[in-house]
PDB file of N, CA and C in Angstrom:
ATOM      1  N   MET A   1       9.908  -6.273  10.707  1.00  0.00           N
ATOM      2  CA  MET A   1       8.766  -5.400  11.107  1.00  0.00           C
ATOM      3  C   MET A   1       9.603  -3.977  11.587  1.00  0.00           C
ATOM      4  N   SER A   2       8.813  -3.004  11.241  1.00  0.00           N
ATOM      5  CA  SER A   2       9.456  -1.690  11.634  1.00  0.00           C
ATOM      6  C   SER A   2       9.135  -1.386  13.248  1.00  0.00           C
ATOM      7  N   ASN A   3      10.228  -0.858  13.846  1.00  0.00           N
ATOM      8  CA  ASN A   3       9.988  -0.438  15.233  1.00  0.00           C
ATOM      9  C   ASN A   3       9.275   0.974  15.459  1.00  0.00           C
ATOM     10  N   ARG A   4       8.953   1.615  14.171  1.00  0.00           N
ATOM     11  CA  ARG A   4       8.460   2.922  14.335  1.00  0.00           C
ATOM     12  C   ARG A   4       7.077   2.943  14.954  1.00  0.00           C
ATOM     13  N   ILE A   5       6.852   3.796  15.985  1.00  0.00           N
ATOM     14  CA  ILE A   5       5.645   3.850  16.342  1.00  0.00           C
ATOM     15  C   ILE A   5       4.787   5.267  15.860  1.00  0.00           C
ATOM     16  N   CYS A   6       5.482   6.213  15.668  1.00  0.00           N
ATOM     17  CA  CYS A   6       4.925   7.525  15.304  1.00  0.00           C
ATOM     18  C   CYS A   6       4.585   7.528  13.777  1.00  0.00           C
ATOM     19  N   CYS A   7       3.783   8.415  13.435  1.00  0.00           N
ATOM     20  CA  CYS A   7       3.428   8.790  12.022  1.00  0.00           C
ATOM     21  C   CYS A   7       4.629   9.150  11.333  1.00  0.00           C
ATOM     22  N   THR A   8       4.475   9.348  10.090  1.00  0.00           N
ATOM     23  CA  THR A   8       5.723   9.622   9.253  1.00  0.00           C
ATOM     24  C   THR A   8       5.648  11.131   8.742  1.00  0.00           C
ATOM     25  N   ASP A   9       6.675  11.488   8.043  1.00  0.00           N
ATOM     26  CA  ASP A   9       6.522  12.972   7.452  1.00  0.00           C
ATOM     27  C   ASP A   9       5.904  12.828   6.129  1.00  0.00           C
ATOM     28  N   ALA A  10       5.683  13.932   5.428  1.00  0.00           N
ATOM     29  CA  ALA A  10       5.118  14.118   4.371  1.00  0.00           C
ATOM     30  C   ALA A  10       5.910  13.550   3.116  1.00  0.00           C
ATOM     31  N   ALA A  11       7.170  13.573   3.156  1.00  0.00           N
ATOM     32  CA  ALA A  11       8.017  13.025   2.241  1.00  0.00           C
ATOM     33  C   ALA A  11       7.916  11.558   2.134  1.00  0.00           C
ATOM     34  N   GLU A  12       7.994  10.873   3.295  1.00  0.00           N
ATOM     35  CA  GLU A  12       7.850   9.499   3.369  1.00  0.00           C
ATOM     36  C   GLU A  12       6.422   9.069   2.886  1.00  0.00           C
ATOM     37  N   VAL A  13       5.452   9.600   3.286  1.00  0.00           N
ATOM     38  CA  VAL A  13       3.914   9.381   2.915  1.00  0.00           C
ATOM     39  C   VAL A  13       4.037   9.361   1.320  1.00  0.00           C
ATOM     40  N   ALA A  14       4.544  10.460   0.586  1.00  0.00           N
ATOM     41  CA  ALA A  14       4.647  10.625  -0.888  1.00  0.00           C
ATOM     42  C   ALA A  14       5.460   9.350  -1.433  1.00  0.00           C
ATOM     43  N   GLU A  15       6.577   9.063  -0.771  1.00  0.00           N
ATOM     44  CA  GLU A  15       7.329   8.108  -1.374  1.00  0.00           C
ATOM     45  C   GLU A  15       6.752   6.733  -1.285  1.00  0.00           C
ATOM     46  N   LEU A  16       6.061   6.477  -0.176  1.00  0.00           N
ATOM     47  CA  LEU A  16       5.243   5.020  -0.123  1.00  0.00           C
ATOM     48  C   LEU A  16       4.120   5.017  -1.016  1.00  0.00           C
ATOM     49  N   SER A  17       3.356   6.150  -1.074  1.00  0.00           N
ATOM     50  CA  SER A  17       2.085   6.162  -1.782  1.00  0.00           C
ATOM     51  C   SER A  17       2.536   6.098  -3.446  1.00  0.00           C
ATOM     52  N   GLU A  18       3.464   6.871  -3.730  1.00  0.00           N
ATOM     53  CA  GLU A  18       3.774   6.871  -5.214  1.00  0.00           C
ATOM     54  C   GLU A  18       4.501   5.516  -5.566  1.00  0.00           C
ATOM     55  N   GLY A  19       5.221   4.938  -4.638  1.00  0.00           N
ATOM     56  CA  GLY A  19       5.790   3.570  -5.069  1.00  0.00           C
ATOM     57  C   GLY A  19       4.710   2.606  -5.043  1.00  0.00           C
ATOM     58  N   PHE A  20       3.705   2.519  -4.326  1.00  0.00           N
ATOM     59  CA  PHE A  20       2.679   1.655  -4.285  1.00  0.00           C
ATOM     60  C   PHE A  20       1.945   1.713  -5.622  1.00  0.00           C
ATOM     61  N   LEU A  21       1.584   2.950  -5.954  1.00  0.00           N
ATOM     62  CA  LEU A  21       0.756   3.300  -7.084  1.00  0.00           C
ATOM     63  C   LEU A  21       1.598   2.757  -8.375  1.00  0.00           C
ATOM     64  N   ALA A  22       2.909   3.128  -8.406  1.00  0.00           N
ATOM     65  CA  ALA A  22       3.572   2.639  -9.589  1.00  0.00           C
ATOM     66  C   ALA A  22       4.085   1.293  -9.498  1.00  0.00           C
ATOM     67  N   ARG A  23       3.714   0.463  -8.407  1.00  0.00           N
ATOM     68  CA  ARG A  23       4.128  -0.918  -8.108  1.00  0.00           C
ATOM     69  C   ARG A  23       5.714  -0.906  -8.188  1.00  0.00           C
ATOM     70  N   THR A  24       6.478  -0.010  -7.762  1.00  0.00           N
ATOM     71  CA  THR A  24       7.856  -0.067  -7.510  1.00  0.00           C
ATOM     72  C   THR A  24       8.374   0.021  -6.195  1.00  0.00           C
ATOM     73  N   LEU A  25       7.452   0.104  -5.055  1.00  0.00           N
ATOM     74  CA  LEU A  25       7.843  -0.006  -3.710  1.00  0.00           C
ATOM     75  C   LEU A  25       8.231  -1.382  -3.464  1.00  0.00           C
ATOM     76  N   PRO A  26       9.457  -1.474  -2.844  1.00  0.00           N
ATOM     77  CA  PRO A  26       9.969  -2.919  -2.486  1.00  0.00           C
ATOM     78  C   PRO A  26       8.871  -3.547  -1.597  1.00  0.00           C
ATOM     79  N   GLY A  27       8.651  -4.887  -1.828  1.00  0.00           N
ATOM     80  CA  GLY A  27       7.636  -5.661  -0.910  1.00  0.00           C
ATOM     81  C   GLY A  27       8.001  -5.637   0.594  1.00  0.00           C
ATOM     82  N   ALA A  28       9.324  -5.604   0.866  1.00  0.00           N
ATOM     83  CA  ALA A  28       9.703  -5.540   2.241  1.00  0.00           C
ATOM     84  C   ALA A  28       9.456  -4.043   3.059  1.00  0.00           C
ATOM     85  N   ARG A  29       9.135  -3.135   2.106  1.00  0.00           N
ATOM     86  CA  ARG A  29       8.690  -1.878   2.673  1.00  0.00           C
ATOM     87  C   ARG A  29       7.107  -1.581   2.830  1.00  0.00           C
ATOM     88  N   PHE A  30       6.304  -2.765   2.570  1.00  0.00           N
ATOM     89  CA  PHE A  30       4.924  -2.709   2.510  1.00  0.00           C
ATOM     90  C   PHE A  30       4.342  -3.504   3.607  1.00  0.00           C
ATOM     91  N   SER A  31       4.585  -3.076   4.835  1.00  0.00           N
ATOM     92  CA  SER A  31       3.959  -3.860   5.983  1.00  0.00           C
ATOM     93  C   SER A  31       2.567  -3.253   6.346  1.00  0.00           C
ATOM     94  N   HIS A  32       1.981  -3.627   7.511  1.00  0.00           N
ATOM     95  CA  HIS A  32       0.776  -3.171   7.960  1.00  0.00           C
ATOM     96  C   HIS A  32       0.745  -1.568   8.248  1.00  0.00           C
ATOM     97  N   ARG A  33       1.921  -1.107   8.713  1.00  0.00           N
ATOM     98  CA  ARG A  33       2.022   0.265   8.852  1.00  0.00           C
ATOM     99  C   ARG A  33       1.954   1.029   7.489  1.00  0.00           C
ATOM    100  N   GLU A  34       2.666   0.700   6.559  1.00  0.00           N
ATOM    101  CA  GLU A  34       2.877   1.415   5.273  1.00  0.00           C
ATOM    102  C   GLU A  34       1.405   1.119   4.493  1.00  0.00           C
ATOM    103  N   HIS A  35       0.860   0.006   4.631  1.00  0.00           N
ATOM    104  CA  HIS A  35      -0.594  -0.140   4.125  1.00  0.00           C
ATOM    105  C   HIS A  35      -1.619   0.844   4.571  1.00  0.00           C
ATOM    106  N   LEU A  36      -1.560   1.185   5.922  1.00  0.00           N
ATOM    107  CA  LEU A  36      -2.372   2.079   6.523  1.00  0.00           C
ATOM    108  C   LEU A  36      -1.994   3.626   5.912  1.00  0.00           C
ATOM    109  N   ILE A  37      -0.740   3.771   5.899  1.00  0.00           N
ATOM    110  CA  ILE A  37      -0.263   5.131   5.452  1.00  0.00           C
ATOM    111  C   ILE A  37      -0.797   5.364   4.015  1.00  0.00           C
ATOM    112  N   VAL A  38      -0.535   4.464   3.184  1.00  0.00           N
ATOM    113  CA  VAL A  38      -0.962   4.432   1.744  1.00  0.00           C
ATOM    114  C   VAL A  38      -2.522   4.713   1.536  1.00  0.00           C
ATOM    115  N   THR A  39      -3.178   3.825   2.249  1.00  0.00           N
ATOM    116  CA  THR A  39      -4.663   3.813   2.313  1.00  0.00           C
ATOM    117  C   THR A  39      -5.267   5.201   2.866  1.00  0.00           C
ATOM    118  N   SER A  40      -4.687   5.685   3.920  1.00  0.00           N
ATOM    119  CA  SER A  40      -4.875   7.075   4.412  1.00  0.00           C
ATOM    120  C   SER A  40      -4.719   8.291   3.277  1.00  0.00           C
ATOM    121  N   TYR A  41      -3.497   8.079   2.695  1.00  0.00           N
ATOM    122  CA  TYR A  41      -3.230   9.026   1.759  1.00  0.00           C
ATOM    123  C   TYR A  41      -4.135   9.051   0.388  1.00  0.00           C
ATOM    124  N   LEU A  42      -4.578   7.785  -0.051  1.00  0.00           N
ATOM    125  CA  LEU A  42      -5.533   7.585  -1.160  1.00  0.00           C
ATOM    126  C   LEU A  42      -6.851   8.109  -0.598  1.00  0.00           C
ATOM    127  N   LEU A  43      -7.442   7.828   0.478  1.00  0.00           N
ATOM    128  CA  LEU A  43      -8.678   8.554   0.982  1.00  0.00           C
ATOM    129  C   LEU A  43      -8.597   9.988   1.109  1.00  0.00           C
ATOM    130  N   ALA A  44      -7.455  10.447   1.521  1.00  0.00           N
ATOM    131  CA  ALA A  44      -7.354  11.965   1.681  1.00  0.00           C
ATOM    132  C   ALA A  44      -7.229  12.808   0.430  1.00  0.00           C
ATOM    133  N   THR A  45      -6.595  12.025  -0.531  1.00  0.00           N
ATOM    134  CA  THR A  45      -6.251  12.898  -1.738  1.00  0.00           C
ATOM    135  C   THR A  45      -7.343  12.637  -2.806  1.00  0.00           C
ATOM    136  N   ASP A  46      -8.226  11.568  -2.698  1.00  0.00           N
ATOM    137  CA  ASP A  46      -9.142  11.300  -3.618  1.00  0.00           C
ATOM    138  C   ASP A  46     -10.468  10.841  -2.933  1.00  0.00           C
ATOM    139  N   PRO A  47     -11.137  11.478  -2.128  1.00  0.00           N
ATOM    140  CA  PRO A  47     -12.211  10.887  -1.470  1.00  0.00           C
ATOM    141  C   PRO A  47     -13.449  10.531  -2.151  1.00  0.00           C
ATOM    142  N   ALA A  48     -13.548  11.003  -3.331  1.00  0.00           N
ATOM    143  CA  ALA A  48     -14.687  10.648  -4.245  1.00  0.00           C
ATOM    144  C   ALA A  48     -14.615   9.296  -4.760  1.00  0.00           C
ATOM    145  N   ARG A  49     -13.408   8.743  -4.834  1.00  0.00           N
ATOM    146  CA  ARG A  49     -13.395   7.273  -5.338  1.00  0.00           C
ATOM    147  C   ARG A  49     -13.893   6.357  -4.520  1.00  0.00           C
ATOM    148  N   ASP A  50     -14.318   5.182  -5.020  1.00  0.00           N
ATOM    149  CA  ASP A  50     -14.880   4.119  -4.125  1.00  0.00           C
ATOM    150  C   ASP A  50     -13.738   3.191  -3.919  1.00  0.00           C
ATOM    151  N   TRP A  51     -12.942   3.455  -2.868  1.00  0.00           N
ATOM    152  CA  TRP A  51     -11.789   2.675  -2.468  1.00  0.00           C
ATOM    153  C   TRP A  51     -12.076   1.186  -2.033  1.00  0.00           C
ATOM    154  N   ARG A  52     -13.334   1.026  -1.457  1.00  0.00           N
ATOM    155  CA  ARG A  52     -13.596  -0.265  -1.094  1.00  0.00           C
ATOM    156  C   ARG A  52     -13.663  -1.234  -2.342  1.00  0.00           C
ATOM    157  N   VAL A  53     -13.893  -0.515  -3.471  1.00  0.00           N
ATOM    158  CA  VAL A  53     -14.009  -1.403  -4.794  1.00  0.00           C
ATOM    159  C   VAL A  53     -12.507  -1.423  -5.392  1.00  0.00           C
ATOM    160  N   GLU A  54     -11.929  -0.352  -5.397  1.00  0.00           N
ATOM    161  CA  GLU A  54     -10.729  -0.173  -6.203  1.00  0.00           C
ATOM    162  C   GLU A  54      -9.462  -0.601  -5.582  1.00  0.00           C
ATOM    163  N   LEU A  55      -9.393  -0.486  -4.102  1.00  0.00           N
ATOM    164  CA  LEU A  55      -8.147  -0.753  -3.451  1.00  0.00           C
ATOM    165  C   LEU A  55      -7.837  -2.334  -3.282  1.00  0.00           C
ATOM    166  N   PRO A  56      -8.778  -3.242  -3.152  1.00  0.00           N
ATOM    167  CA  PRO A  56      -8.447  -4.605  -3.281  1.00  0.00           C
ATOM    168  C   PRO A  56      -7.687  -5.097  -4.391  1.00  0.00           C
ATOM    169  N   GLU A  57      -8.096  -4.696  -5.570  1.00  0.00           N
ATOM    170  CA  GLU A  57      -7.469  -5.034  -6.834  1.00  0.00           C
ATOM    171  C   GLU A  57      -6.109  -4.326  -6.933  1.00  0.00           C
ATOM    172  N   MET A  58      -6.014  -3.159  -6.531  1.00  0.00           N
ATOM    173  CA  MET A  58      -4.612  -2.475  -6.583  1.00  0.00           C
ATOM    174  C   MET A  58      -3.692  -3.123  -5.620  1.00  0.00           C
ATOM    175  N   ILE A  59      -4.209  -3.579  -4.511  1.00  0.00           N
ATOM    176  CA  ILE A  59      -3.206  -4.402  -3.694  1.00  0.00           C
ATOM    177  C   ILE A  59      -2.817  -5.730  -4.162  1.00  0.00           C
ATOM    178  N   ARG A  60      -3.825  -6.379  -4.795  1.00  0.00           N
ATOM    179  CA  ARG A  60      -3.434  -7.646  -5.489  1.00  0.00           C
ATOM    180  C   ARG A  60      -2.341  -7.451  -6.573  1.00  0.00           C
ATOM    181  N   ALA A  61      -2.594  -6.470  -7.336  1.00  0.00           N
ATOM    182  CA  ALA A  61      -1.654  -6.100  -8.491  1.00  0.00           C
ATOM    183  C   ALA A  61      -0.236  -5.709  -7.723  1.00  0.00           C
ATOM    184  N   TYR A  62      -0.179  -4.930  -6.876  1.00  0.00           N
ATOM    185  CA  TYR A  62       0.948  -4.608  -6.263  1.00  0.00           C
ATOM    186  C   TYR A  62       1.603  -5.869  -5.751  1.00  0.00           C
ATOM    187  N   ASN A  63       0.948  -6.600  -5.011  1.00  0.00           N
ATOM    188  CA  ASN A  63       1.599  -7.854  -4.438  1.00  0.00           C
ATOM    189  C   ASN A  63       2.192  -8.938  -5.603  1.00  0.00           C
ATOM    190  N   VAL A  64       1.570  -9.018  -6.717  1.00  0.00           N
ATOM    191  CA  VAL A  64       2.048  -9.699  -7.830  1.00  0.00           C
ATOM    192  C   VAL A  64       3.366  -8.885  -8.195  1.00  0.00           C
ATOM    193  N   ALA A  65       3.367  -7.711  -8.491  1.00  0.00           N
ATOM    194  CA  ALA A  65       4.577  -6.825  -8.974  1.00  0.00           C
ATOM    195  C   ALA A  65       5.583  -7.118  -7.985  1.00  0.00           C
ATOM    196  N   ALA A  66       5.435  -7.205  -6.760  1.00  0.00           N
ATOM    197  CA  ALA A  66       6.304  -7.199  -5.637  1.00  0.00           C
ATOM    198  C   ALA A  66       6.795  -8.738  -5.552  1.00  0.00           C
ATOM    199  N   GLY A  67       6.364  -9.622  -6.326  1.00  0.00           N
ATOM    200  CA  GLY A  67       6.777 -11.028  -6.357  1.00  0.00           C
ATOM    201  C   GLY A  67       5.842 -12.031  -5.505  1.00  0.00           C
ATOM    202  N   GLY A  68       4.705 -11.410  -5.035  1.00  0.00           N
ATOM    203  CA  GLY A  68       3.779 -12.266  -4.167  1.00  0.00           C
ATOM    204  C   GLY A  68       2.881 -13.147  -5.009  1.00  0.00           C
ATOM    205  N   VAL A  69       1.936 -13.740  -4.368  1.00  0.00           N
ATOM    206  CA  VAL A  69       0.966 -14.606  -4.848  1.00  0.00           C
ATOM    207  C   VAL A  69      -0.328 -14.300  -4.222  1.00  0.00           C
ATOM    208  N   ASN A  70      -1.434 -14.230  -5.096  1.00  0.00           N
ATOM    209  CA  ASN A  70      -2.761 -13.982  -4.549  1.00  0.00           C
ATOM    210  C   ASN A  70      -3.535 -15.117  -4.930  1.00  0.00           C
ATOM    211  N   ASP A  71      -4.195 -15.716  -3.920  1.00  0.00           N
ATOM    212  CA  ASP A  71      -5.355 -16.752  -4.035  1.00  0.00           C
ATOM    213  C   ASP A  71      -6.476 -16.358  -3.318  1.00  0.00           C
ATOM    214  N   ASP A  72      -7.278 -17.281  -3.235  1.00  0.00           N
ATOM    215  CA  ASP A  72      -8.621 -17.180  -2.504  1.00  0.00           C
ATOM    216  C   ASP A  72      -8.411 -17.208  -1.015  1.00  0.00           C
ATOM    217  N   VAL A  73      -7.408 -17.915  -0.659  1.00  0.00           N
ATOM    218  CA  VAL A  73      -7.184 -17.955   0.777  1.00  0.00           C
ATOM    219  C   VAL A  73      -6.397 -16.988   1.451  1.00  0.00           C
ATOM    220  N   ARG A  74      -5.276 -16.524   0.804  1.00  0.00           N
ATOM    221  CA  ARG A  74      -4.353 -15.546   1.471  1.00  0.00           C
ATOM    222  C   ARG A  74      -3.586 -14.917   0.357  1.00  0.00           C
ATOM    223  N   THR A  75      -3.314 -13.601   0.589  1.00  0.00           N
ATOM    224  CA  THR A  75      -2.519 -12.857  -0.194  1.00  0.00           C
ATOM    225  C   THR A  75      -1.135 -12.762   0.481  1.00  0.00           C
ATOM    226  N   THR A  76      -0.003 -13.319  -0.297  1.00  0.00           N
ATOM    227  CA  THR A  76       1.358 -13.301   0.396  1.00  0.00           C
ATOM    228  C   THR A  76       2.425 -12.776  -0.462  1.00  0.00           C
ATOM    229  N   ARG A  77       3.378 -12.329   0.015  1.00  0.00           N
ATOM    230  CA  ARG A  77       4.548 -11.883  -0.697  1.00  0.00           C
ATOM    231  C   ARG A  77       5.692 -12.826  -0.522  1.00  0.00           C
TER     232      ARG A  77
END
């Protein structure tokens, strides 16, 4: 778990978001903090998309790419 409390800089936001979208971000780098950063980035850069519909499947696909398992009970890495 990261000890960072403060928000991050634009370069890290871009790195996290691009890594998530490309499914190349290491799973160890995608904790709750990073999930919120990426979600905020997506909402800010493309507010017209219905992220409530699209984001869950994107997260499931990312989790699988990062070596995780998705099932009806829990999504894990």
